[in-house]
Amino acid sequence: MKKMSSQLTTLLGLCLLPFAVLAEDSLQALNKMSQAMSDLNYEVAFVQTSPTNMDSFRYRHIKQEQKVYAQLVTLDGEQQEIIQRDNLVSYFQPGSQAFTINSGYIVDALPAVIRTDFNKLNQYYDFIKMGKGRVAGRIVDTIRIVPKDDFRYQYLVFLDEDNGLLLRADMLDREGNLLDQFRVVTLYIDNRLRGLTDYLNKVSIPPFLYESKQESSFRINWKPDWLPQGFELVSQNQDSINEEVIENALFSDGLFTFTLYVNKADRIAAKENTWRQGAYTIYSKVIGDKEITFIGQLPIATAKQIVQGVTFLK
């Protein structure tokens, strides 16, 4: 029997070997995508689609002398523009004052999957190679990013076979329903895009946006007792709106994010509210004299479990 057990173990190991190799190939492809999105000079026109909306954009990315320059422009309706000059990101929108924030990348309209540390994410997600496909007239490798638990969503990504750039990303719920899609329509790669930096450097830098009371001088006196594995506190702030103090804390696992807001409950506030639009869940619950609100990219059941587990420190 011992001999038979040893043989079965060996056979099982041989059967699992191809899957391990495929997983490693998928991880390498995802890391190549992250590097390509960060280092190449490229321009893409893309559409961002949710179940209720569709918008089109042009994104240009240039890396020059170890500094990143980028521009995101809307292609429909009134023109809105976001400009990145290394660690400064400036917003220009009709009808509102332009402003600047400190950030190493533009987050608006672009999927979080391009900014993810996949080596760390590997602990909480499986990377499954699905074969070849075609997007924007180019051959792509298709990879499914599936959580190892039931507490978060999944991604289906399509990576350019030649250069590794992300050409499509579908955020899906656990049943495979589309929540949000990033899809490239045209792709242009050329070092001549570096000339765009001359234009970007000539644009005056708008004033910095007022920043809330930041983590260095503020500590929240509450915490969620339970989070899905991998989620960590990113930042904590305190705002004052119409003399009402609102505390908030941002959490992320490197792919999905959510924010918890805590404020004094209104006497007429509903004890519980739930709402979902596309990838975003909004859930609020009154606990004692506090109203706790969840806004983020996680299923409703997960949001409820997080909010209902919030405790206040003495």
Protein backbone atom coordinates (compact mmCIF):
# COMPACT_ATOMS: atom_id res chain seq x y z
CA MET A 1 0.00 0.00 0.00
CA LYS A 2 2.82 2.39 0.78
CA LYS A 3 4.30 1.77 -2.66
CA MET A 4 0.93 2.45 -4.33
CA SER A 5 0.50 5.66 -2.30
CA SER A 6 3.93 6.86 -3.42
CA GLN A 7 3.08 6.17 -7.06
CA LEU A 8 -0.20 8.05 -6.78
CA THR A 9 1.57 11.00 -5.22
CA THR A 10 4.07 11.07 -8.08
CA LEU A 11 1.31 10.85 -10.71
CA LEU A 12 -0.65 13.62 -9.00
CA GLY A 13 2.44 15.81 -8.99
CA LEU A 14 2.98 15.23 -12.70
CA CYS A 15 -0.67 16.11 -13.40
CA LEU A 16 -0.45 19.35 -11.42
CA LEU A 17 2.85 20.41 -13.02
CA PRO A 18 1.30 21.86 -16.20
CA PHE A 19 -1.10 23.96 -14.12
CA ALA A 20 1.79 25.33 -12.05
CA VAL A 21 3.66 26.21 -15.24
CA LEU A 22 0.58 27.91 -16.69
CA ALA A 23 0.12 29.93 -13.47
CA GLU A 24 3.76 31.05 -13.63
CA ASP A 25 3.34 32.00 -17.30
CA SER A 26 0.26 34.04 -16.43
CA LEU A 27 2.10 35.83 -13.62
CA GLN A 28 4.98 36.66 -15.96
CA ALA A 29 2.55 38.00 -18.58
CA LEU A 30 0.81 40.20 -16.00
CA ASN A 31 4.15 41.55 -14.73
CA LYS A 32 5.14 42.27 -18.34
CA MET A 33 1.91 44.23 -18.76
CA SER A 34 2.64 46.34 -15.66
CA GLN A 35 6.14 47.09 -16.96
CA ALA A 36 4.88 47.94 -20.46
CA MET A 37 2.16 50.29 -19.18
CA SER A 38 4.78 52.03 -17.04
CA ASP A 39 7.74 52.22 -19.44
CA LEU A 40 6.50 52.38 -23.05
CA ASN A 41 5.54 55.50 -24.97
CA TYR A 42 2.06 54.96 -26.36
CA GLU A 43 -1.29 56.49 -27.21
CA VAL A 44 -4.62 54.66 -26.96
CA ALA A 45 -8.20 55.61 -27.71
CA PHE A 46 -10.53 53.56 -25.51
CA VAL A 47 -14.08 53.24 -24.28
CA GLN A 48 -15.10 52.70 -20.69
CA THR A 49 -18.40 50.85 -20.38
CA SER A 50 -20.67 50.02 -17.44
CA PRO A 51 -24.20 48.59 -17.47
CA THR A 52 -25.60 52.16 -17.49
CA ASN A 53 -23.00 54.30 -19.25
CA MET A 54 -20.30 54.47 -21.92
CA ASP A 55 -17.56 57.11 -22.32
CA SER A 56 -14.65 57.45 -24.73
CA PHE A 57 -11.16 58.78 -23.99
CA ARG A 58 -7.68 59.27 -25.40
CA TYR A 59 -4.74 58.44 -23.15
CA ARG A 60 -1.13 59.32 -23.92
CA HIS A 61 1.79 58.06 -21.84
CA ILE A 62 5.43 59.11 -22.14
CA LYS A 63 8.42 58.17 -20.01
CA GLN A 64 11.37 60.52 -20.42
CA GLU A 65 14.50 60.75 -18.25
CA GLN A 66 12.83 58.53 -15.59
CA LYS A 67 9.88 60.93 -15.36
CA VAL A 68 6.33 60.03 -16.39
CA TYR A 69 4.16 62.36 -18.43
CA ALA A 70 0.57 61.48 -19.31
CA GLN A 71 -2.60 63.04 -20.67
CA LEU A 72 -6.19 61.80 -20.45
CA VAL A 73 -8.79 63.62 -22.59
CA THR A 74 -12.50 62.97 -23.05
CA LEU A 75 -13.55 62.44 -26.68
CA ASP A 76 -17.30 63.07 -26.31
CA GLY A 77 -19.17 66.09 -24.99
CA GLU A 78 -17.30 68.95 -23.36
CA GLN A 79 -13.55 68.42 -23.28
CA GLN A 80 -12.09 67.48 -19.95
CA GLU A 81 -8.36 67.01 -19.54
CA ILE A 82 -6.12 65.48 -16.90
CA ILE A 83 -2.37 66.04 -17.13
CA GLN A 84 0.35 64.18 -15.24
CA ARG A 85 3.80 65.66 -14.83
CA ASP A 86 5.70 63.06 -12.83
CA ASN A 87 4.21 63.30 -9.31
CA LEU A 88 1.80 66.14 -10.09
CA VAL A 89 -1.64 65.46 -11.59
CA SER A 90 -3.72 68.45 -12.73
CA TYR A 91 -7.44 68.45 -13.54
CA PHE A 92 -9.04 70.82 -16.09
CA GLN A 93 -12.84 70.64 -16.26
CA PRO A 94 -15.40 73.09 -17.71
CA GLY A 95 -17.41 74.94 -15.11
CA SER A 96 -15.03 74.31 -12.23
CA GLN A 97 -11.68 75.65 -11.09
CA ALA A 98 -8.62 73.68 -12.21
CA PHE A 99 -6.65 72.02 -9.44
CA THR A 100 -3.59 69.84 -8.81
CA ILE A 101 -2.95 66.88 -6.52
CA ASN A 102 0.14 64.90 -5.57
CA SER A 103 -0.07 61.51 -7.29
CA GLY A 104 2.18 59.16 -9.23
CA TYR A 105 -0.50 58.28 -11.80
CA ILE A 106 -3.86 59.16 -13.31
CA VAL A 107 -6.55 56.92 -11.84
CA ASP A 108 -9.65 58.27 -13.59
CA ALA A 109 -11.17 55.95 -16.25
CA LEU A 110 -8.12 53.64 -16.20
CA PRO A 111 -8.48 50.18 -14.60
CA ALA A 112 -6.67 49.55 -11.31
CA VAL A 113 -5.23 46.35 -12.79
CA ILE A 114 -2.51 48.40 -14.55
CA ARG A 115 -1.17 49.60 -11.17
CA THR A 116 -1.17 46.28 -9.31
CA ASP A 117 1.70 44.36 -7.69
CA PHE A 118 0.83 40.91 -9.04
CA ASN A 119 3.54 39.14 -7.03
CA LYS A 120 1.75 40.28 -3.86
CA LEU A 121 -1.71 39.73 -5.34
CA ASN A 122 -0.75 36.13 -6.08
CA GLN A 123 -1.54 35.25 -2.45
CA TYR A 124 -5.23 36.10 -2.83
CA TYR A 125 -5.98 35.48 -6.53
CA ASP A 126 -5.45 32.76 -9.12
CA PHE A 127 -4.18 33.77 -12.58
CA ILE A 128 -5.64 31.50 -15.25
CA LYS A 129 -4.52 31.61 -18.89
CA MET A 130 -7.55 31.37 -21.20
CA GLY A 131 -5.86 31.31 -24.61
CA LYS A 132 -5.54 33.76 -27.49
CA GLY A 133 -7.96 36.41 -28.73
CA ARG A 134 -8.10 39.60 -30.77
CA VAL A 135 -8.67 43.18 -29.61
CA ALA A 136 -8.20 46.39 -31.65
CA GLY A 137 -6.89 44.30 -34.55
CA ARG A 138 -4.09 42.80 -32.44
CA ILE A 139 -3.50 39.28 -31.07
CA VAL A 140 -3.88 39.13 -27.30
CA ASP A 141 -3.26 36.70 -24.43
CA THR A 142 -6.37 36.32 -22.26
CA ILE A 143 -5.95 35.86 -18.50
CA ARG A 144 -8.62 35.50 -15.83
CA ILE A 145 -7.83 36.95 -12.39
CA VAL A 146 -10.02 35.02 -9.93
CA PRO A 147 -10.15 35.61 -6.15
CA LYS A 148 -9.48 32.61 -3.92
CA ASP A 149 -12.50 33.57 -1.77
CA ASP A 150 -16.09 34.69 -2.38
CA PHE A 151 -15.68 38.21 -1.02
CA ARG A 152 -14.58 40.16 -4.12
CA TYR A 153 -14.96 40.46 -7.87
CA GLN A 154 -12.79 39.11 -10.71
CA TYR A 155 -11.07 40.43 -13.83
CA LEU A 156 -10.65 39.17 -17.37
CA VAL A 157 -7.69 40.90 -19.04
CA PHE A 158 -6.47 40.90 -22.65
CA LEU A 159 -2.75 41.64 -23.13
CA ASP A 160 -1.06 42.53 -26.42
CA GLU A 161 0.96 39.48 -27.46
CA ASP A 162 3.83 41.60 -28.83
CA ASN A 163 4.32 44.42 -26.34
CA GLY A 164 2.30 43.36 -23.28
CA LEU A 165 0.06 46.46 -23.15
CA LEU A 166 -3.41 46.06 -21.67
CA LEU A 167 -5.96 46.28 -24.50
CA ARG A 168 -9.08 45.24 -22.61
CA ALA A 169 -10.10 44.63 -18.99
CA ASP A 170 -13.50 43.30 -17.91
CA MET A 171 -14.46 43.54 -14.25
CA LEU A 172 -16.95 40.75 -13.54
CA ASP A 173 -19.02 39.65 -10.57
CA ARG A 174 -18.86 36.10 -9.25
CA GLU A 175 -21.52 35.01 -11.76
CA GLY A 176 -19.56 36.46 -14.68
CA ASN A 177 -21.80 39.50 -15.23
CA LEU A 178 -20.02 42.58 -16.61
CA LEU A 179 -19.60 45.40 -14.10
CA ASP A 180 -17.11 47.60 -15.92
CA GLN A 181 -15.07 47.36 -19.13
CA PHE A 182 -11.97 49.12 -20.45
CA ARG A 183 -11.52 48.45 -24.18
CA VAL A 184 -8.86 49.94 -26.46
CA VAL A 185 -10.06 50.87 -29.95
CA THR A 186 -6.80 52.17 -31.45
CA LEU A 187 -3.19 51.81 -30.31
CA TYR A 188 -0.17 53.86 -31.37
CA ILE A 189 3.38 53.24 -30.10
CA ASP A 190 6.18 55.60 -31.06
CA ASN A 191 9.01 57.43 -29.32
CA ARG A 192 7.98 60.56 -31.23
CA LEU A 193 5.24 60.93 -28.62
CA ARG A 194 7.98 62.35 -26.42
CA GLY A 195 7.32 65.68 -28.16
CA LEU A 196 4.11 65.87 -26.13
CA THR A 197 6.17 66.67 -23.05
CA ASP A 198 6.95 70.12 -24.48
CA TYR A 199 3.22 70.92 -24.53
CA LEU A 200 2.57 69.45 -21.09
CA ASN A 201 5.44 71.39 -19.51
CA LYS A 202 4.09 74.65 -20.94
CA VAL A 203 0.70 74.21 -19.27
CA SER A 204 0.65 76.21 -16.04
CA ILE A 205 0.20 74.18 -12.85
CA PRO A 206 -3.15 74.98 -11.16
CA PRO A 207 -3.30 75.50 -7.39
CA PHE A 208 -3.19 72.47 -5.15
CA LEU A 209 -6.49 71.05 -3.97
CA TYR A 210 -7.24 71.61 -0.32
CA GLU A 211 -6.23 68.49 1.56
CA SER A 212 -8.11 67.06 4.50
CA LYS A 213 -6.60 66.49 7.89
CA GLN A 214 -4.13 63.74 7.01
CA GLU A 215 -2.92 60.57 8.66
CA SER A 216 0.16 62.22 10.17
CA SER A 217 -1.99 64.34 12.50
CA PHE A 218 -5.19 62.33 12.75
CA ARG A 219 -6.20 58.86 13.93
CA ILE A 220 -9.63 57.31 13.57
CA ASN A 221 -11.05 55.84 16.80
CA TRP A 222 -12.85 52.98 15.07
CA LYS A 223 -11.91 49.97 12.99
CA PRO A 224 -13.50 47.12 11.03
CA ASP A 225 -13.06 43.87 12.95
CA TRP A 226 -13.13 41.86 9.72
CA LEU A 227 -11.70 42.43 6.23
CA PRO A 228 -11.18 40.03 3.32
CA GLN A 229 -7.59 38.75 3.35
CA GLY A 230 -5.12 41.15 1.75
CA PHE A 231 -7.05 44.37 2.41
CA GLU A 232 -5.05 46.99 4.28
CA LEU A 233 -5.60 50.53 5.51
CA VAL A 234 -4.19 52.96 2.91
CA SER A 235 -5.14 56.34 4.37
CA GLN A 236 -7.40 57.97 6.95
CA ASN A 237 -8.79 61.50 6.82
CA GLN A 238 -11.22 63.84 8.50
CA ASP A 239 -13.41 66.34 6.64
CA SER A 240 -15.81 69.00 7.84
CA ILE A 241 -18.88 69.67 5.66
CA ASN A 242 -21.42 72.25 6.86
CA GLU A 243 -19.92 71.96 10.36
CA GLU A 244 -20.45 68.19 10.31
CA VAL A 245 -17.34 66.07 10.89
CA ILE A 246 -16.96 63.07 8.58
CA GLU A 247 -14.15 60.58 9.13
CA ASN A 248 -13.09 58.25 6.33
CA ALA A 249 -10.63 55.42 5.83
CA LEU A 250 -9.50 53.97 2.49
CA PHE A 251 -8.70 50.25 2.20
CA SER A 252 -7.26 48.25 -0.71
CA ASP A 253 -5.93 44.80 -1.57
CA GLY A 254 -3.98 46.25 -4.51
CA LEU A 255 -6.75 45.56 -7.04
CA PHE A 256 -10.04 46.60 -5.45
CA THR A 257 -10.64 49.50 -3.08
CA PHE A 258 -13.34 50.76 -0.74
CA THR A 259 -13.82 53.64 1.67
CA LEU A 260 -15.63 53.67 5.01
CA TYR A 261 -17.24 56.94 6.12
CA VAL A 262 -18.32 57.57 9.72
CA ASN A 263 -20.42 60.52 10.84
CA LYS A 264 -23.02 61.36 13.47
CA ALA A 265 -26.33 59.79 12.50
CA ASP A 266 -29.24 62.04 11.56
CA ARG A 267 -32.36 61.39 13.61
CA ILE A 268 -34.39 60.78 10.45
CA ALA A 269 -31.74 58.69 8.71
CA ALA A 270 -32.83 55.22 7.59
CA LYS A 271 -31.37 52.44 9.70
CA GLU A 272 -30.02 50.69 6.61
CA ASN A 273 -29.59 51.55 2.91
CA THR A 274 -28.16 49.52 0.02
CA TRP A 275 -27.47 50.61 -3.54
CA ARG A 276 -25.31 49.32 -6.38
CA GLN A 277 -24.32 50.96 -9.65
CA GLY A 278 -21.99 49.02 -11.92
CA ALA A 279 -18.88 48.07 -10.00
CA TYR A 280 -19.71 50.26 -7.00
CA THR A 281 -21.63 49.24 -3.91
CA ILE A 282 -23.02 51.78 -1.48
CA TYR A 283 -24.20 50.46 1.86
CA SER A 284 -24.94 52.43 5.02
CA LYS A 285 -26.07 51.38 8.47
CA VAL A 286 -26.77 53.27 11.67
CA ILE A 287 -24.97 51.75 14.66
CA GLY A 288 -25.68 53.54 17.92
CA ASP A 289 -25.42 57.27 17.23
CA LYS A 290 -23.11 56.79 14.19
CA GLU A 291 -23.88 56.26 10.53
CA ILE A 292 -21.31 54.07 8.77
CA THR A 293 -21.22 54.12 4.96
CA PHE A 294 -19.34 51.80 2.63
CA ILE A 295 -18.51 52.93 -0.94
CA GLY A 296 -16.37 50.64 -3.05
CA GLN A 297 -15.81 47.83 -5.52
CA LEU A 298 -16.95 44.80 -3.53
CA PRO A 299 -20.14 42.70 -3.47
CA ILE A 300 -23.04 43.83 -1.27
CA ALA A 301 -22.70 40.84 1.07
CA THR A 302 -19.03 41.72 1.69
CA ALA A 303 -19.86 45.39 2.28
CA LYS A 304 -22.50 44.44 4.87
CA GLN A 305 -20.11 42.13 6.71
CA ILE A 306 -17.44 44.85 6.87
CA VAL A 307 -19.78 47.64 8.04
CA GLN A 308 -21.58 45.52 10.62
CA GLY A 309 -18.21 44.56 12.09
CA VAL A 310 -17.03 48.13 12.73
CA THR A 311 -16.26 48.77 16.40
CA PHE A 312 -15.37 51.99 18.18
CA LEU A 313 -12.29 52.19 20.34
CA LYS A 314 -12.52 53.55 23.86
